[in-house]
PDB file of N, CA and C in Angstrom:
ATOM      1  N   UNK A   1      29.888 142.298  27.978  1.00  0.00           N
ATOM      2  CA  UNK A   1      30.903 142.236  27.336  1.00  0.00           C
ATOM      3  C   UNK A   1      32.193 143.313  27.949  1.00  0.00           C
ATOM      4  N   UNK A   2      33.442 142.458  28.338  1.00  0.00           N
ATOM      5  CA  UNK A   2      34.392 143.340  29.137  1.00  0.00           C
ATOM      6  C   UNK A   2      35.216 143.879  27.915  1.00  0.00           C
ATOM      7  N   UNK A   3      35.931 144.973  28.634  1.00  0.00           N
ATOM      8  CA  UNK A   3      37.127 145.688  27.853  1.00  0.00           C
ATOM      9  C   UNK A   3      38.191 144.678  27.788  1.00  0.00           C
ATOM     10  N   UNK A   4      38.952 144.946  26.281  1.00  0.00           N
ATOM     11  CA  UNK A   4      40.176 144.132  26.464  1.00  0.00           C
ATOM     12  C   UNK A   4      41.344 145.005  26.557  1.00  0.00           C
ATOM     13  N   UNK A   5      42.435 144.043  26.887  1.00  0.00           N
ATOM     14  CA  UNK A   5      43.612 145.036  27.219  1.00  0.00           C
ATOM     15  C   UNK A   5      44.750 144.521  26.458  1.00  0.00           C
ATOM     16  N   UNK A   6      45.625 144.858  26.560  1.00  0.00           N
ATOM     17  CA  UNK A   6      47.209 144.399  25.653  1.00  0.00           C
ATOM     18  C   UNK A   6      47.764 143.364  26.656  1.00  0.00           C
ATOM     19  N   UNK A   7      48.428 142.462  25.649  1.00  0.00           N
ATOM     20  CA  UNK A   7      49.208 141.247  26.207  1.00  0.00           C
ATOM     21  C   UNK A   7      50.623 141.720  26.209  1.00  0.00           C
ATOM     22  N   UNK A   8      51.318 141.901  27.552  1.00  0.00           N
ATOM     23  CA  UNK A   8      52.832 142.187  27.592  1.00  0.00           C
ATOM     24  C   UNK A   8      53.345 141.069  28.451  1.00  0.00           C
ATOM     25  N   UNK A   9      54.897 141.109  28.045  1.00  0.00           N
ATOM     26  CA  UNK A   9      55.756 140.300  28.745  1.00  0.00           C
ATOM     27  C   UNK A   9      55.621 140.836  29.963  1.00  0.00           C
ATOM     28  N   UNK A  10      56.048 140.106  31.005  1.00  0.00           N
ATOM     29  CA  UNK A  10      56.159 140.472  32.437  1.00  0.00           C
ATOM     30  C   UNK A  10      57.336 139.645  33.135  1.00  0.00           C
ATOM     31  N   UNK A  11      58.327 140.424  33.410  1.00  0.00           N
ATOM     32  CA  UNK A  11      59.373 139.751  34.234  1.00  0.00           C
ATOM     33  C   UNK A  11      60.276 140.931  34.610  1.00  0.00           C
ATOM     34  N   UNK A  12      61.213 140.622  35.749  1.00  0.00           N
ATOM     35  CA  UNK A  12      62.480 141.542  36.136  1.00  0.00           C
ATOM     36  C   UNK A  12      63.786 140.842  36.096  1.00  0.00           C
ATOM     37  N   UNK A  13      64.641 141.253  36.035  1.00  0.00           N
ATOM     38  CA  UNK A  13      66.036 140.780  36.090  1.00  0.00           C
ATOM     39  C   UNK A  13      67.051 141.669  36.507  1.00  0.00           C
ATOM     40  N   UNK A  14      67.675 141.617  37.841  1.00  0.00           N
ATOM     41  CA  UNK A  14      68.651 142.223  38.414  1.00  0.00           C
ATOM     42  C   UNK A  14      69.873 141.678  38.312  1.00  0.00           C
ATOM     43  N   UNK A  15      71.024 142.033  37.691  1.00  0.00           N
ATOM     44  CA  UNK A  15      72.235 141.313  37.424  1.00  0.00           C
ATOM     45  C   UNK A  15      72.150 140.094  36.850  1.00  0.00           C
ATOM     46  N   UNK A  16      71.234 139.919  35.971  1.00  0.00           N
ATOM     47  CA  UNK A  16      71.139 138.478  35.359  1.00  0.00           C
ATOM     48  C   UNK A  16      70.714 137.558  35.867  1.00  0.00           C
ATOM     49  N   UNK A  17      69.808 137.799  36.967  1.00  0.00           N
ATOM     50  CA  UNK A  17      68.782 136.955  37.814  1.00  0.00           C
ATOM     51  C   UNK A  17      67.920 135.854  37.092  1.00  0.00           C
ATOM     52  N   UNK A  18      67.548 136.528  36.009  1.00  0.00           N
ATOM     53  CA  UNK A  18      66.713 136.048  34.968  1.00  0.00           C
ATOM     54  C   UNK A  18      67.202 136.056  33.774  1.00  0.00           C
ATOM     55  N   UNK A  19      67.971 135.081  33.577  1.00  0.00           N
ATOM     56  CA  UNK A  19      68.767 135.526  32.177  1.00  0.00           C
ATOM     57  C   UNK A  19      67.515 135.503  30.955  1.00  0.00           C
ATOM     58  N   UNK A  20      66.591 134.814  30.872  1.00  0.00           N
ATOM     59  CA  UNK A  20      65.437 134.976  29.765  1.00  0.00           C
ATOM     60  C   UNK A  20      64.871 136.359  29.473  1.00  0.00           C
ATOM     61  N   UNK A  21      65.069 137.021  30.586  1.00  0.00           N
ATOM     62  CA  UNK A  21      64.389 138.475  30.847  1.00  0.00           C
ATOM     63  C   UNK A  21      65.461 139.471  30.523  1.00  0.00           C
ATOM     64  N   UNK A  22      66.560 139.234  30.456  1.00  0.00           N
ATOM     65  CA  UNK A  22      67.593 140.136  29.958  1.00  0.00           C
ATOM     66  C   UNK A  22      67.291 140.529  28.409  1.00  0.00           C
ATOM     67  N   UNK A  23      68.132 141.571  27.783  1.00  0.00           N
ATOM     68  CA  UNK A  23      68.057 142.164  26.788  1.00  0.00           C
ATOM     69  C   UNK A  23      69.123 141.613  25.789  1.00  0.00           C
ATOM     70  N   UNK A  24      69.212 141.101  24.768  1.00  0.00           N
ATOM     71  CA  UNK A  24      67.872 140.844  24.413  1.00  0.00           C
ATOM     72  C   UNK A  24      67.241 139.598  24.929  1.00  0.00           C
ATOM     73  N   UNK A  25      66.111 139.834  24.811  1.00  0.00           N
ATOM     74  CA  UNK A  25      65.288 138.470  25.499  1.00  0.00           C
ATOM     75  C   UNK A  25      65.148 137.126  24.945  1.00  0.00           C
ATOM     76  N   UNK A  26      65.335 136.175  25.629  1.00  0.00           N
ATOM     77  CA  UNK A  26      65.061 134.755  25.059  1.00  0.00           C
ATOM     78  C   UNK A  26      64.213 134.374  24.180  1.00  0.00           C
ATOM     79  N   UNK A  27      64.187 134.153  23.015  1.00  0.00           N
ATOM     80  CA  UNK A  27      63.116 133.561  22.152  1.00  0.00           C
ATOM     81  C   UNK A  27      62.286 132.470  22.720  1.00  0.00           C
ATOM     82  N   UNK A  28      62.889 131.688  23.829  1.00  0.00           N
ATOM     83  CA  UNK A  28      62.353 130.690  24.536  1.00  0.00           C
ATOM     84  C   UNK A  28      61.389 131.190  25.888  1.00  0.00           C
ATOM     85  N   UNK A  29      61.357 132.438  25.974  1.00  0.00           N
ATOM     86  CA  UNK A  29      60.486 132.918  27.091  1.00  0.00           C
ATOM     87  C   UNK A  29      59.347 133.118  26.766  1.00  0.00           C
ATOM     88  N   UNK A  30      58.278 132.535  27.593  1.00  0.00           N
ATOM     89  CA  UNK A  30      56.928 132.466  27.396  1.00  0.00           C
ATOM     90  C   UNK A  30      56.167 133.289  28.437  1.00  0.00           C
ATOM     91  N   UNK A  31      56.682 133.895  28.997  1.00  0.00           N
ATOM     92  CA  UNK A  31      55.824 134.674  30.182  1.00  0.00           C
ATOM     93  C   UNK A  31      55.029 135.905  29.698  1.00  0.00           C
ATOM     94  N   UNK A  32      54.142 135.796  28.476  1.00  0.00           N
ATOM     95  CA  UNK A  32      53.208 136.853  27.930  1.00  0.00           C
ATOM     96  C   UNK A  32      52.041 136.862  28.991  1.00  0.00           C
ATOM     97  N   UNK A  33      51.824 137.927  29.799  1.00  0.00           N
ATOM     98  CA  UNK A  33      50.578 138.304  30.429  1.00  0.00           C
ATOM     99  C   UNK A  33      49.444 138.832  29.377  1.00  0.00           C
ATOM    100  N   UNK A  34      48.495 137.700  29.544  1.00  0.00           N
ATOM    101  CA  UNK A  34      47.393 137.944  28.542  1.00  0.00           C
ATOM    102  C   UNK A  34      46.366 138.961  28.969  1.00  0.00           C
ATOM    103  N   UNK A  35      45.915 139.972  28.312  1.00  0.00           N
ATOM    104  CA  UNK A  35      44.703 140.853  29.027  1.00  0.00           C
ATOM    105  C   UNK A  35      45.266 141.432  30.324  1.00  0.00           C
ATOM    106  N   UNK A  36      46.493 142.166  30.302  1.00  0.00           N
ATOM    107  CA  UNK A  36      46.904 142.859  31.460  1.00  0.00           C
ATOM    108  C   UNK A  36      46.009 143.598  32.205  1.00  0.00           C
ATOM    109  N   UNK A  37      46.001 143.531  33.395  1.00  0.00           N
ATOM    110  CA  UNK A  37      45.195 144.492  34.111  1.00  0.00           C
ATOM    111  C   UNK A  37      46.272 145.176  35.273  1.00  0.00           C
ATOM    112  N   UNK A  38      45.907 146.332  35.905  1.00  0.00           N
ATOM    113  CA  UNK A  38      46.811 147.228  36.439  1.00  0.00           C
ATOM    114  C   UNK A  38      46.044 147.941  37.289  1.00  0.00           C
ATOM    115  N   UNK A  39      46.578 148.318  38.468  1.00  0.00           N
ATOM    116  CA  UNK A  39      46.114 149.492  39.421  1.00  0.00           C
ATOM    117  C   UNK A  39      46.092 150.666  38.917  1.00  0.00           C
ATOM    118  N   UNK A  40      44.960 151.505  39.145  1.00  0.00           N
ATOM    119  CA  UNK A  40      45.010 153.009  38.566  1.00  0.00           C
ATOM    120  C   UNK A  40      44.911 153.715  40.066  1.00  0.00           C
ATOM    121  N   UNK A  41      45.709 154.816  39.835  1.00  0.00           N
ATOM    122  CA  UNK A  41      45.839 155.758  41.067  1.00  0.00           C
ATOM    123  C   UNK A  41      44.423 156.253  41.430  1.00  0.00           C
ATOM    124  N   UNK A  42      44.271 156.305  42.856  1.00  0.00           N
ATOM    125  CA  UNK A  42      42.807 156.738  43.330  1.00  0.00           C
ATOM    126  C   UNK A  42      41.676 156.014  42.935  1.00  0.00           C
ATOM    127  N   UNK A  43      41.647 154.911  42.556  1.00  0.00           N
ATOM    128  CA  UNK A  43      40.778 153.976  42.230  1.00  0.00           C
ATOM    129  C   UNK A  43      40.746 152.312  42.799  1.00  0.00           C
ATOM    130  N   UNK A  44      39.970 151.973  42.955  1.00  0.00           N
ATOM    131  CA  UNK A  44      39.857 150.431  43.437  1.00  0.00           C
ATOM    132  C   UNK A  44      39.587 149.543  42.432  1.00  0.00           C
ATOM    133  N   UNK A  45      40.668 148.316  42.734  1.00  0.00           N
ATOM    134  CA  UNK A  45      40.406 147.463  41.712  1.00  0.00           C
ATOM    135  C   UNK A  45      41.755 147.325  40.568  1.00  0.00           C
ATOM    136  N   UNK A  46      41.353 146.715  39.489  1.00  0.00           N
ATOM    137  CA  UNK A  46      42.405 146.781  38.179  1.00  0.00           C
ATOM    138  C   UNK A  46      41.778 147.161  37.272  1.00  0.00           C
ATOM    139  N   UNK A  47      42.427 147.491  36.136  1.00  0.00           N
ATOM    140  CA  UNK A  47      41.914 148.165  34.997  1.00  0.00           C
ATOM    141  C   UNK A  47      42.668 147.473  33.701  1.00  0.00           C
ATOM    142  N   UNK A  48      42.143 147.447  32.662  1.00  0.00           N
ATOM    143  CA  UNK A  48      42.891 146.949  31.509  1.00  0.00           C
ATOM    144  C   UNK A  48      43.979 147.771  31.190  1.00  0.00           C
ATOM    145  N   UNK A  49      44.976 147.348  31.162  1.00  0.00           N
ATOM    146  CA  UNK A  49      46.400 147.951  30.585  1.00  0.00           C
ATOM    147  C   UNK A  49      46.317 148.646  28.862  1.00  0.00           C
ATOM    148  N   UNK A  50      46.939 149.636  28.775  1.00  0.00           N
ATOM    149  CA  UNK A  50      47.102 150.141  27.587  1.00  0.00           C
ATOM    150  C   UNK A  50      48.349 149.874  26.661  1.00  0.00           C
ATOM    151  N   UNK A  51      49.288 149.729  27.542  1.00  0.00           N
ATOM    152  CA  UNK A  51      50.916 150.000  27.143  1.00  0.00           C
ATOM    153  C   UNK A  51      51.613 149.033  27.506  1.00  0.00           C
ATOM    154  N   UNK A  52      52.488 148.639  26.986  1.00  0.00           N
ATOM    155  CA  UNK A  52      53.495 147.503  27.539  1.00  0.00           C
ATOM    156  C   UNK A  52      54.936 148.435  27.494  1.00  0.00           C
ATOM    157  N   UNK A  53      56.009 148.128  28.731  1.00  0.00           N
ATOM    158  CA  UNK A  53      57.012 148.828  28.923  1.00  0.00           C
ATOM    159  C   UNK A  53      58.283 147.864  29.234  1.00  0.00           C
ATOM    160  N   UNK A  54      59.296 148.312  28.699  1.00  0.00           N
ATOM    161  CA  UNK A  54      60.445 147.839  29.148  1.00  0.00           C
ATOM    162  C   UNK A  54      61.346 148.741  29.475  1.00  0.00           C
ATOM    163  N   UNK A  55      61.697 148.443  30.761  1.00  0.00           N
ATOM    164  CA  UNK A  55      62.892 149.508  31.404  1.00  0.00           C
ATOM    165  C   UNK A  55      64.319 148.796  31.468  1.00  0.00           C
ATOM    166  N   UNK A  56      65.335 149.445  31.187  1.00  0.00           N
ATOM    167  CA  UNK A  56      66.681 149.037  30.963  1.00  0.00           C
ATOM    168  C   UNK A  56      67.463 149.895  31.846  1.00  0.00           C
ATOM    169  N   UNK A  57      68.135 149.526  32.944  1.00  0.00           N
ATOM    170  CA  UNK A  57      68.837 150.669  33.709  1.00  0.00           C
ATOM    171  C   UNK A  57      70.336 150.267  34.319  1.00  0.00           C
ATOM    172  N   UNK A  58      70.828 150.865  34.803  1.00  0.00           N
ATOM    173  CA  UNK A  58      71.964 150.663  35.613  1.00  0.00           C
ATOM    174  C   UNK A  58      72.057 151.567  36.924  1.00  0.00           C
ATOM    175  N   UNK A  59      71.820 151.012  38.067  1.00  0.00           N
ATOM    176  CA  UNK A  59      71.677 151.932  39.437  1.00  0.00           C
ATOM    177  C   UNK A  59      73.055 152.759  39.436  1.00  0.00           C
ATOM    178  N   UNK A  60      72.888 153.996  39.591  1.00  0.00           N
ATOM    179  CA  UNK A  60      73.937 154.770  39.715  1.00  0.00           C
ATOM    180  C   UNK A  60      74.592 154.844  41.216  1.00  0.00           C
ATOM    181  N   UNK A  61      73.981 154.167  42.110  1.00  0.00           N
ATOM    182  CA  UNK A  61      74.189 153.828  43.517  1.00  0.00           C
ATOM    183  C   UNK A  61      75.098 152.650  43.669  1.00  0.00           C
ATOM    184  N   UNK A  62      74.488 151.707  43.106  1.00  0.00           N
ATOM    185  CA  UNK A  62      75.427 150.418  43.270  1.00  0.00           C
ATOM    186  C   UNK A  62      75.852 149.678  42.060  1.00  0.00           C
ATOM    187  N   UNK A  63      75.477 150.158  41.041  1.00  0.00           N
ATOM    188  CA  UNK A  63      76.363 149.744  39.880  1.00  0.00           C
ATOM    189  C   UNK A  63      75.387 148.509  39.334  1.00  0.00           C
ATOM    190  N   UNK A  64      74.284 148.202  39.986  1.00  0.00           N
ATOM    191  CA  UNK A  64      73.555 146.844  39.527  1.00  0.00           C
ATOM    192  C   UNK A  64      72.913 147.225  38.143  1.00  0.00           C
ATOM    193  N   UNK A  65      72.770 146.047  37.356  1.00  0.00           N
ATOM    194  CA  UNK A  65      71.886 146.367  36.194  1.00  0.00           C
ATOM    195  C   UNK A  65      70.254 145.802  36.155  1.00  0.00           C
ATOM    196  N   UNK A  66      69.402 146.370  35.688  1.00  0.00           N
ATOM    197  CA  UNK A  66      68.048 146.002  35.901  1.00  0.00           C
ATOM    198  C   UNK A  66      67.223 146.297  34.755  1.00  0.00           C
ATOM    199  N   UNK A  67      66.518 144.980  34.494  1.00  0.00           N
ATOM    200  CA  UNK A  67      65.644 144.846  33.270  1.00  0.00           C
ATOM    201  C   UNK A  67      64.252 144.684  33.820  1.00  0.00           C
ATOM    202  N   UNK A  68      63.338 145.582  33.401  1.00  0.00           N
ATOM    203  CA  UNK A  68      61.931 145.027  34.050  1.00  0.00           C
ATOM    204  C   UNK A  68      60.881 145.294  32.719  1.00  0.00           C
ATOM    205  N   UNK A  69      60.030 144.127  32.568  1.00  0.00           N
ATOM    206  CA  UNK A  69      59.080 144.230  31.340  1.00  0.00           C
ATOM    207  C   UNK A  69      57.926 143.867  31.852  1.00  0.00           C
ATOM    208  N   UNK A  70      56.744 145.111  31.716  1.00  0.00           N
ATOM    209  CA  UNK A  70      55.359 144.821  32.391  1.00  0.00           C
ATOM    210  C   UNK A  70      54.159 145.582  31.654  1.00  0.00           C
ATOM    211  N   UNK A  71      53.327 145.709  32.117  1.00  0.00           N
ATOM    212  CA  UNK A  71      52.187 146.555  31.481  1.00  0.00           C
ATOM    213  C   UNK A  71      51.867 147.642  32.109  1.00  0.00           C
ATOM    214  N   UNK A  72      51.354 148.706  31.702  1.00  0.00           N
ATOM    215  CA  UNK A  72      50.926 149.920  32.577  1.00  0.00           C
ATOM    216  C   UNK A  72      49.556 150.806  32.182  1.00  0.00           C
ATOM    217  N   UNK A  73      48.943 151.276  32.791  1.00  0.00           N
ATOM    218  CA  UNK A  73      47.739 152.219  32.158  1.00  0.00           C
ATOM    219  C   UNK A  73      48.146 153.005  31.160  1.00  0.00           C
ATOM    220  N   UNK A  74      49.034 154.201  31.549  1.00  0.00           N
ATOM    221  CA  UNK A  74      49.005 155.124  30.890  1.00  0.00           C
ATOM    222  C   UNK A  74      50.829 155.139  29.841  1.00  0.00           C
ATOM    223  N   UNK A  75      50.779 155.834  29.002  1.00  0.00           N
ATOM    224  CA  UNK A  75      52.023 155.838  28.080  1.00  0.00           C
ATOM    225  C   UNK A  75      53.251 156.464  29.170  1.00  0.00           C
ATOM    226  N   UNK A  76      54.171 155.849  29.179  1.00  0.00           N
ATOM    227  CA  UNK A  76      55.419 156.314  29.934  1.00  0.00           C
ATOM    228  C   UNK A  76      56.288 157.208  28.930  1.00  0.00           C
ATOM    229  N   UNK A  77      55.856 157.133  27.695  1.00  0.00           N
ATOM    230  CA  UNK A  77      56.950 157.742  26.598  1.00  0.00           C
ATOM    231  C   UNK A  77      58.250 157.156  26.515  1.00  0.00           C
ATOM    232  N   UNK A  78      58.800 156.734  25.773  1.00  0.00           N
ATOM    233  CA  UNK A  78      60.161 156.072  25.177  1.00  0.00           C
ATOM    234  C   UNK A  78      61.366 157.376  25.412  1.00  0.00           C
ATOM    235  N   UNK A  79      62.176 157.154  26.240  1.00  0.00           N
ATOM    236  CA  UNK A  79      63.212 157.931  26.604  1.00  0.00           C
ATOM    237  C   UNK A  79      64.230 157.347  27.157  1.00  0.00           C
ATOM    238  N   UNK A  80      65.528 157.970  26.978  1.00  0.00           N
ATOM    239  CA  UNK A  80      66.733 157.453  27.967  1.00  0.00           C
ATOM    240  C   UNK A  80      67.166 158.914  28.628  1.00  0.00           C
ATOM    241  N   UNK A  81      67.758 158.267  29.877  1.00  0.00           N
ATOM    242  CA  UNK A  81      68.511 159.459  30.389  1.00  0.00           C
ATOM    243  C   UNK A  81      68.613 159.014  31.624  1.00  0.00           C
ATOM    244  N   UNK A  82      68.612 159.590  32.932  1.00  0.00           N
ATOM    245  CA  UNK A  82      68.597 159.072  34.079  1.00  0.00           C
ATOM    246  C   UNK A  82      67.293 159.335  34.846  1.00  0.00           C
ATOM    247  N   UNK A  83      66.837 158.479  35.778  1.00  0.00           N
ATOM    248  CA  UNK A  83      65.567 158.718  36.345  1.00  0.00           C
ATOM    249  C   UNK A  83      65.369 158.124  37.508  1.00  0.00           C
ATOM    250  N   UNK A  84      64.450 158.372  38.328  1.00  0.00           N
ATOM    251  CA  UNK A  84      64.511 157.951  39.845  1.00  0.00           C
ATOM    252  C   UNK A  84      63.660 156.805  39.832  1.00  0.00           C
ATOM    253  N   UNK A  85      64.147 155.545  40.473  1.00  0.00           N
ATOM    254  CA  UNK A  85      63.631 154.373  40.637  1.00  0.00           C
ATOM    255  C   UNK A  85      63.355 154.111  42.021  1.00  0.00           C
ATOM    256  N   UNK A  86      61.997 153.531  42.549  1.00  0.00           N
ATOM    257  CA  UNK A  86      61.492 153.368  43.443  1.00  0.00           C
ATOM    258  C   UNK A  86      61.919 154.534  44.449  1.00  0.00           C
ATOM    259  N   UNK A  87      61.999 154.365  45.506  1.00  0.00           N
ATOM    260  CA  UNK A  87      62.233 155.723  46.330  1.00  0.00           C
ATOM    261  C   UNK A  87      63.498 156.113  46.733  1.00  0.00           C
ATOM    262  N   UNK A  88      64.831 155.251  46.563  1.00  0.00           N
ATOM    263  CA  UNK A  88      66.152 155.536  47.019  1.00  0.00           C
ATOM    264  C   UNK A  88      67.088 155.269  46.038  1.00  0.00           C
ATOM    265  N   UNK A  89      66.679 155.394  44.606  1.00  0.00           N
ATOM    266  CA  UNK A  89      67.851 154.983  43.790  1.00  0.00           C
ATOM    267  C   UNK A  89      67.518 155.603  42.492  1.00  0.00           C
ATOM    268  N   UNK A  90      68.607 156.111  41.875  1.00  0.00           N
ATOM    269  CA  UNK A  90      68.726 156.510  40.415  1.00  0.00           C
ATOM    270  C   UNK A  90      69.065 155.575  39.417  1.00  0.00           C
ATOM    271  N   UNK A  91      68.753 155.718  38.467  1.00  0.00           N
ATOM    272  CA  UNK A  91      69.031 154.734  37.456  1.00  0.00           C
ATOM    273  C   UNK A  91      69.361 155.464  35.970  1.00  0.00           C
ATOM    274  N   UNK A  92      70.259 155.095  35.326  1.00  0.00           N
ATOM    275  CA  UNK A  92      70.822 155.578  33.997  1.00  0.00           C
ATOM    276  C   UNK A  92      70.312 154.375  32.945  1.00  0.00           C
ATOM    277  N   UNK A  93      69.540 155.081  31.932  1.00  0.00           N
ATOM    278  CA  UNK A  93      69.278 153.671  30.817  1.00  0.00           C
ATOM    279  C   UNK A  93      67.954 154.144  29.992  1.00  0.00           C
ATOM    280  N   UNK A  94      67.002 153.471  29.670  1.00  0.00           N
ATOM    281  CA  UNK A  94      65.876 153.870  28.798  1.00  0.00           C
ATOM    282  C   UNK A  94      64.643 153.252  29.408  1.00  0.00           C
ATOM    283  N   UNK A  95      63.499 153.649  29.058  1.00  0.00           N
ATOM    284  CA  UNK A  95      62.059 153.169  29.396  1.00  0.00           C
ATOM    285  C   UNK A  95      61.582 153.489  28.167  1.00  0.00           C
ATOM    286  N   UNK A  96      61.157 151.943  27.533  1.00  0.00           N
ATOM    287  CA  UNK A  96      60.553 152.144  26.243  1.00  0.00           C
ATOM    288  C   UNK A  96      58.912 151.635  26.407  1.00  0.00           C
ATOM    289  N   UNK A  97      58.178 152.393  25.824  1.00  0.00           N
ATOM    290  CA  UNK A  97      57.139 152.281  25.837  1.00  0.00           C
ATOM    291  C   UNK A  97      56.199 151.767  24.577  1.00  0.00           C
ATOM    292  N   UNK A  98      55.337 151.151  24.414  1.00  0.00           N
ATOM    293  CA  UNK A  98      54.822 150.578  23.044  1.00  0.00           C
ATOM    294  C   UNK A  98      53.289 150.027  23.369  1.00  0.00           C
ATOM    295  N   UNK A  99      52.648 150.222  22.226  1.00  0.00           N
ATOM    296  CA  UNK A  99      50.959 149.592  22.565  1.00  0.00           C
ATOM    297  C   UNK A  99      50.645 148.407  21.413  1.00  0.00           C
ATOM    298  N   UNK A 100      51.212 147.444  21.548  1.00  0.00           N
ATOM    299  CA  UNK A 100      50.881 146.140  20.927  1.00  0.00           C
ATOM    300  C   UNK A 100      51.126 145.056  21.789  1.00  0.00           C
ATOM    301  N   UNK A 101      50.348 143.988  21.326  1.00  0.00           N
ATOM    302  CA  UNK A 101      50.382 142.771  22.200  1.00  0.00           C
ATOM    303  C   UNK A 101      52.014 142.401  21.891  1.00  0.00           C
ATOM    304  N   UNK A 102      52.711 142.015  22.862  1.00  0.00           N
ATOM    305  CA  UNK A 102      53.934 141.397  22.979  1.00  0.00           C
ATOM    306  C   UNK A 102      55.041 142.274  22.484  1.00  0.00           C
ATOM    307  N   UNK A 103      54.790 143.464  22.651  1.00  0.00           N
ATOM    308  CA  UNK A 103      55.913 144.627  21.884  1.00  0.00           C
ATOM    309  C   UNK A 103      56.781 144.765  22.899  1.00  0.00           C
ATOM    310  N   UNK A 104      57.125 144.477  24.511  1.00  0.00           N
ATOM    311  CA  UNK A 104      58.010 144.703  25.018  1.00  0.00           C
ATOM    312  C   UNK A 104      59.050 143.572  25.147  1.00  0.00           C
ATOM    313  N   UNK A 105      59.158 142.790  24.198  1.00  0.00           N
ATOM    314  CA  UNK A 105      59.926 141.753  24.148  1.00  0.00           C
ATOM    315  C   UNK A 105      60.917 141.744  23.509  1.00  0.00           C
ATOM    316  N   UNK A 106      61.272 142.941  22.615  1.00  0.00           N
ATOM    317  CA  UNK A 106      62.212 142.876  21.807  1.00  0.00           C
ATOM    318  C   UNK A 106      62.868 144.558  22.018  1.00  0.00           C
ATOM    319  N   UNK A 107      62.938 145.092  20.911  1.00  0.00           N
ATOM    320  CA  UNK A 107      63.277 146.487  20.480  1.00  0.00           C
ATOM    321  C   UNK A 107      64.579 146.794  21.110  1.00  0.00           C
ATOM    322  N   UNK A 108      65.798 145.769  21.009  1.00  0.00           N
ATOM    323  CA  UNK A 108      66.880 146.007  20.975  1.00  0.00           C
ATOM    324  C   UNK A 108      67.538 147.337  20.331  1.00  0.00           C
ATOM    325  N   UNK A 109      67.015 147.025  18.759  1.00  0.00           N
ATOM    326  CA  UNK A 109      67.711 148.239  17.882  1.00  0.00           C
ATOM    327  C   UNK A 109      67.214 149.427  18.439  1.00  0.00           C
ATOM    328  N   UNK A 110      65.766 149.952  18.788  1.00  0.00           N
ATOM    329  CA  UNK A 110      65.400 150.967  19.186  1.00  0.00           C
ATOM    330  C   UNK A 110      66.244 151.696  20.301  1.00  0.00           C
ATOM    331  N   UNK A 111      66.579 150.668  21.360  1.00  0.00           N
ATOM    332  CA  UNK A 111      67.132 150.666  22.578  1.00  0.00           C
ATOM    333  C   UNK A 111      68.562 151.414  22.266  1.00  0.00           C
ATOM    334  N   UNK A 112      69.164 150.688  21.442  1.00  0.00           N
ATOM    335  CA  UNK A 112      70.444 151.229  20.745  1.00  0.00           C
ATOM    336  C   UNK A 112      70.586 152.515  20.146  1.00  0.00           C
ATOM    337  N   UNK A 113      69.848 152.635  19.368  1.00  0.00           N
ATOM    338  CA  UNK A 113      69.324 154.182  18.810  1.00  0.00           C
ATOM    339  C   UNK A 113      69.236 155.046  19.783  1.00  0.00           C
ATOM    340  N   UNK A 114      68.323 154.935  20.992  1.00  0.00           N
ATOM    341  CA  UNK A 114      68.144 155.923  21.796  1.00  0.00           C
ATOM    342  C   UNK A 114      69.255 156.398  22.410  1.00  0.00           C
ATOM    343  N   UNK A 115      70.273 155.163  22.907  1.00  0.00           N
ATOM    344  CA  UNK A 115      71.294 155.401  23.723  1.00  0.00           C
ATOM    345  C   UNK A 115      72.499 156.149  22.857  1.00  0.00           C
ATOM    346  N   UNK A 116      72.190 155.973  21.502  1.00  0.00           N
ATOM    347  CA  UNK A 116      73.350 156.528  20.589  1.00  0.00           C
ATOM    348  C   UNK A 116      73.002 158.349  20.460  1.00  0.00           C
ATOM    349  N   UNK A 117      71.689 158.474  20.986  1.00  0.00           N
ATOM    350  CA  UNK A 117      71.193 160.067  20.686  1.00  0.00           C
ATOM    351  C   UNK A 117      71.378 160.522  21.970  1.00  0.00           C
ATOM    352  N   UNK A 118      71.895 159.876  23.219  1.00  0.00           N
ATOM    353  CA  UNK A 118      72.049 160.360  24.464  1.00  0.00           C
ATOM    354  C   UNK A 118      73.119 161.333  24.508  1.00  0.00           C
ATOM    355  N   UNK A 119      74.533 161.123  23.898  1.00  0.00           N
ATOM    356  CA  UNK A 119      75.648 162.148  24.005  1.00  0.00           C
ATOM    357  C   UNK A 119      75.314 163.371  23.266  1.00  0.00           C
ATOM    358  N   UNK A 120      74.309 163.095  22.438  1.00  0.00           N
ATOM    359  CA  UNK A 120      73.970 164.569  21.661  1.00  0.00           C
ATOM    360  C   UNK A 120      72.862 165.284  22.486  1.00  0.00           C
ATOM    361  N   UNK A 121      72.405 164.971  23.573  1.00  0.00           N
ATOM    362  CA  UNK A 121      71.353 165.620  24.217  1.00  0.00           C
ATOM    363  C   UNK A 121      70.256 165.683  23.801  1.00  0.00           C
ATOM    364  N   UNK A 122      69.832 164.759  22.919  1.00  0.00           N
ATOM    365  CA  UNK A 122      68.699 164.778  22.083  1.00  0.00           C
ATOM    366  C   UNK A 122      67.411 164.175  22.687  1.00  0.00           C
ATOM    367  N   UNK A 123      68.012 163.055  23.486  1.00  0.00           N
ATOM    368  CA  UNK A 123      66.898 162.175  24.586  1.00  0.00           C
ATOM    369  C   UNK A 123      67.280 162.319  25.806  1.00  0.00           C
ATOM    370  N   UNK A 124      66.511 162.966  26.675  1.00  0.00           N
ATOM    371  CA  UNK A 124      66.866 163.370  28.089  1.00  0.00           C
ATOM    372  C   UNK A 124      65.466 163.174  28.855  1.00  0.00           C
ATOM    373  N   UNK A 125      65.595 162.605  30.209  1.00  0.00           N
ATOM    374  CA  UNK A 125      64.377 162.591  31.111  1.00  0.00           C
ATOM    375  C   UNK A 125      64.811 163.018  32.325  1.00  0.00           C
ATOM    376  N   UNK A 126      64.831 164.470  32.624  1.00  0.00           N
ATOM    377  CA  UNK A 126      65.309 164.907  33.705  1.00  0.00           C
ATOM    378  C   UNK A 126      64.880 164.481  35.050  1.00  0.00           C
ATOM    379  N   UNK A 127      65.883 164.766  35.872  1.00  0.00           N
ATOM    380  CA  UNK A 127      65.306 164.042  37.171  1.00  0.00           C
ATOM    381  C   UNK A 127      64.364 165.103  38.143  1.00  0.00           C
ATOM    382  N   UNK A 128      63.113 164.574  38.413  1.00  0.00           N
ATOM    383  CA  UNK A 128      62.016 165.401  39.128  1.00  0.00           C
ATOM    384  C   UNK A 128      62.350 165.301  40.494  1.00  0.00           C
TER     385      UNK A 128
END
């Protein structure tokens, strides 16, 4: 008997290259990856994902907007602020993590609420 994993939407869109992946997500979008499996640091192979993620941000370097929906092994904590993306860019936006099937398809309301807290300094992920 294999271990089950979470089902997450998986897509990415830079400057609206995939309008169905943008926020809010198109109701017609059907790219739900069932039983997501992901690599694990210092391990060989893939392992059942436990969380779905939606990352929404704007590059401080280029001004480009980015939306990524995927599955991950560990909780990334839902938070907004500035964060490093890949090796040479910094984004301003939100990383939203959830733990039930298909949960990274929406949450626009949570995203707006987190953005409203930003000016108050209540939600912040410092650059590391």
